[in-house]
């Protein structure tokens, strides 16, 4: 029986290291934002569980705990802390999805990460575009014409993202 040489790639454990370091980044941002000890410990443990068992409910627990932490801190939804947490939580989510499919001793080629990376960047681009719109949007009563322009702009952003991700309409 002959073997097929697939060449080198990243060890699958690298995805789990990405998950752990992303979890550390989440804990650092939340700790800097004012979240206290017990909540940080719980989030850190859930992030470590996500790295160890990415197919478990632990990643969803991290997302839930981060959302509750941001809600507990309060403040503006478009602030640097929230804008830093969005890509971190998304990266944890995507990394867990990929790592859940990979055995511990497997290797993953960088070309296999191209499509998820493109989707990640497209989604983050849309999120930050919407955050930019929200940052400049008026907070008081808005005329109907401005609301219609905003809806058209959101629809245009959605179409652009769809085209970037899927390549066609």
C-alpha atoms as a PDB file:
ATOM      1  CA  UNK A   1       0.000   0.000   0.000  1.00  0.00           C
ATOM      2  CA  UNK A   2       1.464   3.336  -0.979  1.00  0.00           C
ATOM      3  CA  UNK A   3       1.102   6.539   0.979  1.00  0.00           C
ATOM      4  CA  UNK A   4       0.344   9.958  -0.389  1.00  0.00           C
ATOM      5  CA  UNK A   5       2.646  12.752   0.704  1.00  0.00           C
ATOM      6  CA  UNK A   6       0.566  15.853   1.303  1.00  0.00           C
ATOM      7  CA  UNK A   7       3.412  18.128   2.262  1.00  0.00           C
ATOM      8  CA  UNK A   8       3.688  20.309   5.276  1.00  0.00           C
ATOM      9  CA  UNK A   9       1.061  22.399   6.906  1.00  0.00           C
ATOM     10  CA  UNK A  10       0.250  23.813  10.282  1.00  0.00           C
ATOM     11  CA  UNK A  11      -0.321  21.339  13.077  1.00  0.00           C
ATOM     12  CA  UNK A  12      -3.982  21.296  14.078  1.00  0.00           C
ATOM     13  CA  UNK A  13      -2.948  22.204  17.604  1.00  0.00           C
ATOM     14  CA  UNK A  14      -2.110  25.665  16.228  1.00  0.00           C
ATOM     15  CA  UNK A  15      -5.857  26.303  15.916  1.00  0.00           C
ATOM     16  CA  UNK A  16      -6.245  25.454  19.590  1.00  0.00           C
ATOM     17  CA  UNK A  17      -3.424  27.865  20.420  1.00  0.00           C
ATOM     18  CA  UNK A  18      -5.267  30.539  18.437  1.00  0.00           C
ATOM     19  CA  UNK A  19      -8.377  29.785  20.499  1.00  0.00           C
ATOM     20  CA  UNK A  20      -6.444  30.034  23.780  1.00  0.00           C
ATOM     21  CA  UNK A  21      -4.704  33.275  22.824  1.00  0.00           C
ATOM     22  CA  UNK A  22      -7.963  34.764  21.555  1.00  0.00           C
ATOM     23  CA  UNK A  23      -9.555  33.839  24.876  1.00  0.00           C
ATOM     24  CA  UNK A  24      -6.670  35.564  26.661  1.00  0.00           C
ATOM     25  CA  UNK A  25      -7.268  38.656  24.540  1.00  0.00           C
ATOM     26  CA  UNK A  26     -10.962  38.623  25.424  1.00  0.00           C
ATOM     27  CA  UNK A  27     -10.136  38.346  29.123  1.00  0.00           C
ATOM     28  CA  UNK A  28      -7.609  41.192  28.829  1.00  0.00           C
ATOM     29  CA  UNK A  29     -10.086  43.514  27.103  1.00  0.00           C
ATOM     30  CA  UNK A  30     -12.823  42.743  29.619  1.00  0.00           C
ATOM     31  CA  UNK A  31     -10.429  43.094  32.559  1.00  0.00           C
ATOM     32  CA  UNK A  32      -9.324  46.460  31.249  1.00  0.00           C
ATOM     33  CA  UNK A  33     -12.992  47.416  30.855  1.00  0.00           C
ATOM     34  CA  UNK A  34     -13.828  46.873  34.503  1.00  0.00           C
ATOM     35  CA  UNK A  35     -15.115  43.306  34.753  1.00  0.00           C
ATOM     36  CA  UNK A  36     -14.262  41.836  38.156  1.00  0.00           C
ATOM     37  CA  UNK A  37     -12.398  38.721  39.255  1.00  0.00           C
ATOM     38  CA  UNK A  38     -15.032  35.959  39.419  1.00  0.00           C
ATOM     39  CA  UNK A  39     -16.502  36.831  36.034  1.00  0.00           C
ATOM     40  CA  UNK A  40     -13.048  37.000  34.445  1.00  0.00           C
ATOM     41  CA  UNK A  41     -12.117  33.629  35.941  1.00  0.00           C
ATOM     42  CA  UNK A  42     -15.323  32.109  34.572  1.00  0.00           C
ATOM     43  CA  UNK A  43     -14.693  33.547  31.102  1.00  0.00           C
ATOM     44  CA  UNK A  44     -11.054  32.387  31.195  1.00  0.00           C
ATOM     45  CA  UNK A  45     -12.110  28.858  32.185  1.00  0.00           C
ATOM     46  CA  UNK A  46     -14.715  28.766  29.415  1.00  0.00           C
ATOM     47  CA  UNK A  47     -12.074  29.949  26.918  1.00  0.00           C
ATOM     48  CA  UNK A  48      -9.673  27.227  28.076  1.00  0.00           C
ATOM     49  CA  UNK A  49     -12.461  24.667  27.765  1.00  0.00           C
ATOM     50  CA  UNK A  50     -13.058  25.979  24.238  1.00  0.00           C
ATOM     51  CA  UNK A  51      -9.439  25.337  23.350  1.00  0.00           C
ATOM     52  CA  UNK A  52      -9.557  21.842  24.810  1.00  0.00           C
ATOM     53  CA  UNK A  53     -12.960  20.848  23.467  1.00  0.00           C
ATOM     54  CA  UNK A  54     -13.949  23.184  20.638  1.00  0.00           C
ATOM     55  CA  UNK A  55     -16.968  21.061  19.671  1.00  0.00           C
ATOM     56  CA  UNK A  56     -18.470  21.454  23.142  1.00  0.00           C
ATOM     57  CA  UNK A  57     -20.880  24.177  24.296  1.00  0.00           C
ATOM     58  CA  UNK A  58     -17.909  26.067  25.806  1.00  0.00           C
ATOM     59  CA  UNK A  59     -17.484  28.485  22.850  1.00  0.00           C
ATOM     60  CA  UNK A  60     -21.165  29.422  23.065  1.00  0.00           C
ATOM     61  CA  UNK A  61     -20.699  29.973  26.794  1.00  0.00           C
ATOM     62  CA  UNK A  62     -17.810  32.349  26.081  1.00  0.00           C
ATOM     63  CA  UNK A  63     -19.946  34.317  23.625  1.00  0.00           C
ATOM     64  CA  UNK A  64     -22.796  34.493  26.158  1.00  0.00           C
ATOM     65  CA  UNK A  65     -20.527  35.544  29.027  1.00  0.00           C
ATOM     66  CA  UNK A  66     -18.839  38.227  26.925  1.00  0.00           C
ATOM     67  CA  UNK A  67     -22.227  39.607  25.869  1.00  0.00           C
ATOM     68  CA  UNK A  68     -23.427  39.669  29.482  1.00  0.00           C
ATOM     69  CA  UNK A  69     -20.178  41.341  30.560  1.00  0.00           C
ATOM     70  CA  UNK A  70     -20.529  44.079  27.961  1.00  0.00           C
ATOM     71  CA  UNK A  71     -24.126  44.561  29.059  1.00  0.00           C
ATOM     72  CA  UNK A  72     -23.054  44.746  32.721  1.00  0.00           C
ATOM     73  CA  UNK A  73     -20.383  47.341  31.991  1.00  0.00           C
ATOM     74  CA  UNK A  74     -22.874  49.490  30.102  1.00  0.00           C
ATOM     75  CA  UNK A  75     -21.959  52.544  28.108  1.00  0.00           C
ATOM     76  CA  UNK A  76     -22.003  53.242  24.406  1.00  0.00           C
ATOM     77  CA  UNK A  77     -22.343  50.258  22.081  1.00  0.00           C
ATOM     78  CA  UNK A  78     -19.825  51.785  19.668  1.00  0.00           C
ATOM     79  CA  UNK A  79     -16.804  52.165  21.909  1.00  0.00           C
ATOM     80  CA  UNK A  80     -13.268  50.808  21.516  1.00  0.00           C
ATOM     81  CA  UNK A  81     -13.799  47.974  24.005  1.00  0.00           C
ATOM     82  CA  UNK A  82     -16.823  46.595  22.153  1.00  0.00           C
ATOM     83  CA  UNK A  83     -15.154  47.147  18.786  1.00  0.00           C
ATOM     84  CA  UNK A  84     -12.152  45.130  20.036  1.00  0.00           C
ATOM     85  CA  UNK A  85     -14.346  42.336  21.398  1.00  0.00           C
ATOM     86  CA  UNK A  86     -16.309  41.822  18.167  1.00  0.00           C
ATOM     87  CA  UNK A  87     -13.425  40.419  16.072  1.00  0.00           C
ATOM     88  CA  UNK A  88     -11.986  38.558  19.069  1.00  0.00           C
ATOM     89  CA  UNK A  89     -15.244  36.733  19.784  1.00  0.00           C
ATOM     90  CA  UNK A  90     -15.762  36.079  16.077  1.00  0.00           C
ATOM     91  CA  UNK A  91     -12.223  34.693  15.722  1.00  0.00           C
ATOM     92  CA  UNK A  92     -12.804  32.427  18.721  1.00  0.00           C
ATOM     93  CA  UNK A  93     -16.044  31.212  17.163  1.00  0.00           C
ATOM     94  CA  UNK A  94     -14.508  30.529  13.728  1.00  0.00           C
ATOM     95  CA  UNK A  95     -11.380  28.917  15.193  1.00  0.00           C
ATOM     96  CA  UNK A  96     -13.492  26.613  17.360  1.00  0.00           C
ATOM     97  CA  UNK A  97     -15.559  25.600  14.337  1.00  0.00           C
ATOM     98  CA  UNK A  98     -12.419  24.681  12.403  1.00  0.00           C
ATOM     99  CA  UNK A  99     -10.660  23.007  15.330  1.00  0.00           C
ATOM    100  CA  UNK A 100     -13.749  20.919  16.073  1.00  0.00           C
ATOM    101  CA  UNK A 101     -13.304  19.230  12.707  1.00  0.00           C
ATOM    102  CA  UNK A 102      -9.586  18.539  13.101  1.00  0.00           C
ATOM    103  CA  UNK A 103      -8.068  15.680  15.115  1.00  0.00           C
ATOM    104  CA  UNK A 104      -5.346  16.720  17.571  1.00  0.00           C
ATOM    105  CA  UNK A 105      -2.484  15.316  15.480  1.00  0.00           C
ATOM    106  CA  UNK A 106      -3.737  16.417  12.068  1.00  0.00           C
ATOM    107  CA  UNK A 107      -2.141  19.036   9.861  1.00  0.00           C
ATOM    108  CA  UNK A 108      -3.981  21.793   8.058  1.00  0.00           C
ATOM    109  CA  UNK A 109      -2.762  23.494   4.932  1.00  0.00           C
ATOM    110  CA  UNK A 110      -2.938  27.266   4.806  1.00  0.00           C
ATOM    111  CA  UNK A 111      -4.872  27.076   1.535  1.00  0.00           C
ATOM    112  CA  UNK A 112      -7.691  25.347   3.453  1.00  0.00           C
ATOM    113  CA  UNK A 113      -7.995  28.451   5.637  1.00  0.00           C
ATOM    114  CA  UNK A 114      -8.452  30.823   2.699  1.00  0.00           C
ATOM    115  CA  UNK A 115     -12.253  30.615   2.417  1.00  0.00           C
ATOM    116  CA  UNK A 116     -12.869  30.995   6.176  1.00  0.00           C
ATOM    117  CA  UNK A 117     -10.436  33.925   6.243  1.00  0.00           C
ATOM    118  CA  UNK A 118     -12.252  35.660   3.389  1.00  0.00           C
ATOM    119  CA  UNK A 119     -15.600  35.179   5.156  1.00  0.00           C
ATOM    120  CA  UNK A 120     -14.116  36.450   8.419  1.00  0.00           C
ATOM    121  CA  UNK A 121     -12.759  39.619   6.797  1.00  0.00           C
ATOM    122  CA  UNK A 122     -15.995  40.217   4.880  1.00  0.00           C
ATOM    123  CA  UNK A 123     -18.114  39.887   8.007  1.00  0.00           C
ATOM    124  CA  UNK A 124     -15.810  42.107  10.044  1.00  0.00           C
ATOM    125  CA  UNK A 125     -15.840  44.677   7.254  1.00  0.00           C
ATOM    126  CA  UNK A 126     -19.623  44.729   7.376  1.00  0.00           C
ATOM    127  CA  UNK A 127     -19.678  44.975  11.159  1.00  0.00           C
ATOM    128  CA  UNK A 128     -17.256  47.889  11.188  1.00  0.00           C
ATOM    129  CA  UNK A 129     -19.101  49.604   8.327  1.00  0.00           C
ATOM    130  CA  UNK A 130     -22.310  49.377  10.331  1.00  0.00           C
ATOM    131  CA  UNK A 131     -20.468  50.584  13.443  1.00  0.00           C
ATOM    132  CA  UNK A 132     -19.250  53.569  11.427  1.00  0.00           C
ATOM    133  CA  UNK A 133     -22.785  54.327  10.311  1.00  0.00           C
ATOM    134  CA  UNK A 134     -24.006  54.054  13.901  1.00  0.00           C
ATOM    135  CA  UNK A 135     -21.239  56.356  15.117  1.00  0.00           C
ATOM    136  CA  UNK A 136     -22.341  59.169  12.817  1.00  0.00           C
ATOM    137  CA  UNK A 137     -26.078  58.503  12.999  1.00  0.00           C
ATOM    138  CA  UNK A 138     -28.132  61.084  14.868  1.00  0.00           C
ATOM    139  CA  UNK A 139     -29.530  59.973  18.211  1.00  0.00           C
ATOM    140  CA  UNK A 140     -32.681  62.110  18.220  1.00  0.00           C
ATOM    141  CA  UNK A 141     -35.716  62.057  15.976  1.00  0.00           C
ATOM    142  CA  UNK A 142     -34.740  61.405  12.371  1.00  0.00           C
ATOM    143  CA  UNK A 143     -36.585  62.579   9.253  1.00  0.00           C
ATOM    144  CA  UNK A 144     -38.119  59.842   7.106  1.00  0.00           C
ATOM    145  CA  UNK A 145     -35.855  60.607   4.140  1.00  0.00           C
ATOM    146  CA  UNK A 146     -32.727  60.017   6.246  1.00  0.00           C
ATOM    147  CA  UNK A 147     -34.156  56.708   7.459  1.00  0.00           C
ATOM    148  CA  UNK A 148     -34.789  55.605   3.871  1.00  0.00           C
ATOM    149  CA  UNK A 149     -31.219  56.513   2.881  1.00  0.00           C
ATOM    150  CA  UNK A 150     -29.956  54.521   5.874  1.00  0.00           C
ATOM    151  CA  UNK A 151     -32.000  51.468   4.889  1.00  0.00           C
ATOM    152  CA  UNK A 152     -30.722  51.735   1.305  1.00  0.00           C
ATOM    153  CA  UNK A 153     -27.159  52.006   2.602  1.00  0.00           C
ATOM    154  CA  UNK A 154     -27.537  48.921   4.765  1.00  0.00           C
ATOM    155  CA  UNK A 155     -28.995  47.021   1.806  1.00  0.00           C
ATOM    156  CA  UNK A 156     -26.028  48.119  -0.343  1.00  0.00           C
ATOM    157  CA  UNK A 157     -23.572  46.962   2.318  1.00  0.00           C
ATOM    158  CA  UNK A 158     -25.366  43.599   2.484  1.00  0.00           C
ATOM    159  CA  UNK A 159     -25.154  43.201  -1.298  1.00  0.00           C
ATOM    160  CA  UNK A 160     -21.465  44.100  -1.324  1.00  0.00           C
ATOM    161  CA  UNK A 161     -20.749  41.565   1.414  1.00  0.00           C
ATOM    162  CA  UNK A 162     -22.796  38.909  -0.369  1.00  0.00           C
ATOM    163  CA  UNK A 163     -20.808  39.505  -3.549  1.00  0.00           C
ATOM    164  CA  UNK A 164     -17.484  39.378  -1.696  1.00  0.00           C
ATOM    165  CA  UNK A 165     -18.346  36.125   0.046  1.00  0.00           C
ATOM    166  CA  UNK A 166     -20.228  34.302  -2.724  1.00  0.00           C
ATOM    167  CA  UNK A 167     -18.767  35.914  -5.831  1.00  0.00           C
ATOM    168  CA  UNK A 168     -22.125  36.622  -7.464  1.00  0.00           C
ATOM    169  CA  UNK A 169     -25.617  37.885  -6.795  1.00  0.00           C
END
